[in-house]
C-alpha atoms as a PDB file:
ATOM      1  CA  UNK A   1     -26.059 228.969  23.333  1.00  0.00           C
ATOM      2  CA  UNK A   2     -27.373 226.685  20.720  1.00  0.00           C
ATOM      3  CA  UNK A   3     -27.722 222.918  20.956  1.00  0.00           C
ATOM      4  CA  UNK A   4     -24.576 222.264  18.903  1.00  0.00           C
ATOM      5  CA  UNK A   5     -22.411 224.039  21.517  1.00  0.00           C
ATOM      6  CA  UNK A   6     -23.973 222.068  24.366  1.00  0.00           C
ATOM      7  CA  UNK A   7     -23.469 218.773  22.519  1.00  0.00           C
ATOM      8  CA  UNK A   8     -19.845 219.690  21.698  1.00  0.00           C
ATOM      9  CA  UNK A   9     -18.982 220.537  25.331  1.00  0.00           C
ATOM     10  CA  UNK A  10     -20.682 217.375  26.576  1.00  0.00           C
ATOM     11  CA  UNK A  11     -18.777 215.263  24.043  1.00  0.00           C
ATOM     12  CA  UNK A  12     -15.468 216.901  25.049  1.00  0.00           C
ATOM     13  CA  UNK A  13     -16.226 216.174  28.707  1.00  0.00           C
ATOM     14  CA  UNK A  14     -16.983 212.500  27.979  1.00  0.00           C
ATOM     15  CA  UNK A  15     -13.861 212.148  25.819  1.00  0.00           C
ATOM     16  CA  UNK A  16     -11.746 213.735  28.558  1.00  0.00           C
ATOM     17  CA  UNK A  17     -13.191 211.351  31.163  1.00  0.00           C
ATOM     18  CA  UNK A  18     -12.526 208.314  28.960  1.00  0.00           C
ATOM     19  CA  UNK A  19      -8.934 209.418  28.305  1.00  0.00           C
ATOM     20  CA  UNK A  20      -8.379 210.014  32.020  1.00  0.00           C
ATOM     21  CA  UNK A  21      -9.692 206.564  32.947  1.00  0.00           C
ATOM     22  CA  UNK A  22      -7.539 204.914  30.269  1.00  0.00           C
ATOM     23  CA  UNK A  23      -4.249 206.749  30.946  1.00  0.00           C
ATOM     24  CA  UNK A  24      -4.424 207.593  34.634  1.00  0.00           C
ATOM     25  CA  UNK A  25      -1.326 207.115  36.762  1.00  0.00           C
ATOM     26  CA  UNK A  26      -1.200 203.732  38.417  1.00  0.00           C
ATOM     27  CA  UNK A  27      -0.806 203.614  42.170  1.00  0.00           C
ATOM     28  CA  UNK A  28       1.399 201.353  44.226  1.00  0.00           C
ATOM     29  CA  UNK A  29      -0.428 199.082  46.611  1.00  0.00           C
ATOM     30  CA  UNK A  30       0.471 199.627  50.214  1.00  0.00           C
ATOM     31  CA  UNK A  31       2.428 196.729  51.650  1.00  0.00           C
ATOM     32  CA  UNK A  32       2.689 198.254  55.106  1.00  0.00           C
ATOM     33  CA  UNK A  33       2.532 195.945  58.127  1.00  0.00           C
ATOM     34  CA  UNK A  34      -0.454 195.712  60.437  1.00  0.00           C
ATOM     35  CA  UNK A  35      -0.342 197.931  63.504  1.00  0.00           C
ATOM     36  CA  UNK A  36       0.025 194.980  65.876  1.00  0.00           C
ATOM     37  CA  UNK A  37       2.859 193.506  63.816  1.00  0.00           C
ATOM     38  CA  UNK A  38       4.687 196.859  63.801  1.00  0.00           C
ATOM     39  CA  UNK A  39       4.350 196.986  67.596  1.00  0.00           C
ATOM     40  CA  UNK A  40       5.805 193.474  67.908  1.00  0.00           C
ATOM     41  CA  UNK A  41       8.761 194.347  65.660  1.00  0.00           C
ATOM     42  CA  UNK A  42       9.357 197.471  67.770  1.00  0.00           C
ATOM     43  CA  UNK A  43       9.222 195.579  71.076  1.00  0.00           C
ATOM     44  CA  UNK A  44      11.634 192.939  69.794  1.00  0.00           C
ATOM     45  CA  UNK A  45      14.061 195.559  68.476  1.00  0.00           C
ATOM     46  CA  UNK A  46      14.149 197.569  71.700  1.00  0.00           C
ATOM     47  CA  UNK A  47      14.517 194.419  73.796  1.00  0.00           C
ATOM     48  CA  UNK A  48      17.386 193.122  71.671  1.00  0.00           C
ATOM     49  CA  UNK A  49      19.400 196.277  70.991  1.00  0.00           C
ATOM     50  CA  UNK A  50      18.617 198.542  73.954  1.00  0.00           C
ATOM     51  CA  UNK A  51      18.001 195.921  76.619  1.00  0.00           C
ATOM     52  CA  UNK A  52      14.745 197.408  77.914  1.00  0.00           C
ATOM     53  CA  UNK A  53      11.531 195.381  78.060  1.00  0.00           C
ATOM     54  CA  UNK A  54       8.795 197.752  76.866  1.00  0.00           C
ATOM     55  CA  UNK A  55       6.057 195.146  76.472  1.00  0.00           C
ATOM     56  CA  UNK A  56       4.017 196.452  79.450  1.00  0.00           C
ATOM     57  CA  UNK A  57       4.494 200.149  78.610  1.00  0.00           C
ATOM     58  CA  UNK A  58       1.760 202.344  77.125  1.00  0.00           C
ATOM     59  CA  UNK A  59       1.895 202.055  73.340  1.00  0.00           C
ATOM     60  CA  UNK A  60       0.791 204.611  70.752  1.00  0.00           C
ATOM     61  CA  UNK A  61       1.013 203.794  67.048  1.00  0.00           C
ATOM     62  CA  UNK A  62       0.613 206.310  64.256  1.00  0.00           C
ATOM     63  CA  UNK A  63       0.563 205.826  60.514  1.00  0.00           C
ATOM     64  CA  UNK A  64       3.193 208.226  59.182  1.00  0.00           C
ATOM     65  CA  UNK A  65       3.130 209.712  55.707  1.00  0.00           C
ATOM     66  CA  UNK A  66       5.778 212.236  54.709  1.00  0.00           C
ATOM     67  CA  UNK A  67       3.990 214.844  52.592  1.00  0.00           C
ATOM     68  CA  UNK A  68       7.066 217.081  52.441  1.00  0.00           C
ATOM     69  CA  UNK A  69       9.234 214.452  50.732  1.00  0.00           C
ATOM     70  CA  UNK A  70       6.452 213.583  48.292  1.00  0.00           C
ATOM     71  CA  UNK A  71       5.842 217.240  47.386  1.00  0.00           C
ATOM     72  CA  UNK A  72       9.533 217.998  46.825  1.00  0.00           C
ATOM     73  CA  UNK A  73      10.024 214.960  44.600  1.00  0.00           C
ATOM     74  CA  UNK A  74       6.828 215.748  42.699  1.00  0.00           C
ATOM     75  CA  UNK A  75       8.022 219.285  41.942  1.00  0.00           C
ATOM     76  CA  UNK A  76      11.358 217.898  40.731  1.00  0.00           C
ATOM     77  CA  UNK A  77       9.587 215.330  38.532  1.00  0.00           C
ATOM     78  CA  UNK A  78      11.212 212.412  40.362  1.00  0.00           C
ATOM     79  CA  UNK A  79       8.250 210.998  42.296  1.00  0.00           C
ATOM     80  CA  UNK A  80       7.145 208.335  39.823  1.00  0.00           C
ATOM     81  CA  UNK A  81      10.740 207.199  39.267  1.00  0.00           C
ATOM     82  CA  UNK A  82      11.530 206.815  42.974  1.00  0.00           C
ATOM     83  CA  UNK A  83       8.143 205.799  44.412  1.00  0.00           C
ATOM     84  CA  UNK A  84       8.977 202.108  44.925  1.00  0.00           C
ATOM     85  CA  UNK A  85      12.303 202.945  46.618  1.00  0.00           C
ATOM     86  CA  UNK A  86      10.568 205.419  48.933  1.00  0.00           C
ATOM     87  CA  UNK A  87       7.992 202.834  49.984  1.00  0.00           C
ATOM     88  CA  UNK A  88      10.605 200.156  50.603  1.00  0.00           C
ATOM     89  CA  UNK A  89      12.790 202.471  52.687  1.00  0.00           C
ATOM     90  CA  UNK A  90       9.849 203.701  54.742  1.00  0.00           C
ATOM     91  CA  UNK A  91      10.362 207.334  53.798  1.00  0.00           C
ATOM     92  CA  UNK A  92       6.842 207.745  52.476  1.00  0.00           C
ATOM     93  CA  UNK A  93       4.726 205.494  54.633  1.00  0.00           C
ATOM     94  CA  UNK A  94       5.640 203.689  57.814  1.00  0.00           C
ATOM     95  CA  UNK A  95       4.577 203.207  61.411  1.00  0.00           C
ATOM     96  CA  UNK A  96       5.742 205.452  64.214  1.00  0.00           C
ATOM     97  CA  UNK A  97       5.396 203.561  67.496  1.00  0.00           C
ATOM     98  CA  UNK A  98       5.859 205.300  70.850  1.00  0.00           C
ATOM     99  CA  UNK A  99       6.307 203.513  74.174  1.00  0.00           C
ATOM    100  CA  UNK A 100       5.778 205.639  77.293  1.00  0.00           C
ATOM    101  CA  UNK A 101       6.416 204.736  80.942  1.00  0.00           C
ATOM    102  CA  UNK A 102       7.430 206.833  83.972  1.00  0.00           C
ATOM    103  CA  UNK A 103       9.072 209.814  82.274  1.00  0.00           C
ATOM    104  CA  UNK A 104      10.761 207.629  79.668  1.00  0.00           C
ATOM    105  CA  UNK A 105       9.746 207.073  76.093  1.00  0.00           C
ATOM    106  CA  UNK A 106      10.964 205.364  72.957  1.00  0.00           C
ATOM    107  CA  UNK A 107       9.924 206.368  69.461  1.00  0.00           C
ATOM    108  CA  UNK A 108      10.654 203.868  66.736  1.00  0.00           C
ATOM    109  CA  UNK A 109       9.925 203.813  63.011  1.00  0.00           C
ATOM    110  CA  UNK A 110       9.069 200.570  61.200  1.00  0.00           C
ATOM    111  CA  UNK A 111       8.858 200.412  57.411  1.00  0.00           C
ATOM    112  CA  UNK A 112       7.050 197.993  55.115  1.00  0.00           C
ATOM    113  CA  UNK A 113       9.955 195.523  55.055  1.00  0.00           C
ATOM    114  CA  UNK A 114       9.884 195.051  58.867  1.00  0.00           C
ATOM    115  CA  UNK A 115      13.023 197.189  59.164  1.00  0.00           C
ATOM    116  CA  UNK A 116      13.528 199.786  61.873  1.00  0.00           C
ATOM    117  CA  UNK A 117      14.251 203.140  60.249  1.00  0.00           C
ATOM    118  CA  UNK A 118      15.076 204.984  63.480  1.00  0.00           C
ATOM    119  CA  UNK A 119      14.922 204.597  67.245  1.00  0.00           C
ATOM    120  CA  UNK A 120      14.927 207.504  69.678  1.00  0.00           C
ATOM    121  CA  UNK A 121      15.057 207.262  73.483  1.00  0.00           C
ATOM    122  CA  UNK A 122      13.914 210.146  75.584  1.00  0.00           C
ATOM    123  CA  UNK A 123      14.252 210.492  79.349  1.00  0.00           C
ATOM    124  CA  UNK A 124      13.030 213.382  81.434  1.00  0.00           C
ATOM    125  CA  UNK A 125      14.976 214.132  84.565  1.00  0.00           C
ATOM    126  CA  UNK A 126      12.996 214.998  87.657  1.00  0.00           C
ATOM    127  CA  UNK A 127      14.620 217.763  89.634  1.00  0.00           C
ATOM    128  CA  UNK A 128      13.359 218.618  93.097  1.00  0.00           C
ATOM    129  CA  UNK A 129      13.635 222.303  93.788  1.00  0.00           C
ATOM    130  CA  UNK A 130      12.953 223.979  97.060  1.00  0.00           C
END
């Protein structure tokens, strides 16, 4: 390779980097709640609509990101068009909060707008067998 080829490839690399920095896809800032605020919203919701006080129960919070939905929309070319709607509805990022106490648990989803996207109650029955 001569020096002209090296200079040409270097120039193409720099031009590509400059074009990428100038025209890269903008990202949406996350407006997701804090973990403690999501827990408070969950406790209030369960207390109001289910009638169970879960404030003293064991609490586990997980940041939830739906890769499957994002991948499907990306392959269809609809991700950029629907990204804001997905964030607002909590389908892309949200909190999953689980309350556990004595063979009972609640799982609740809280999106960025302080809305509960789902609530699931699970009870395990204890059977005594002889």
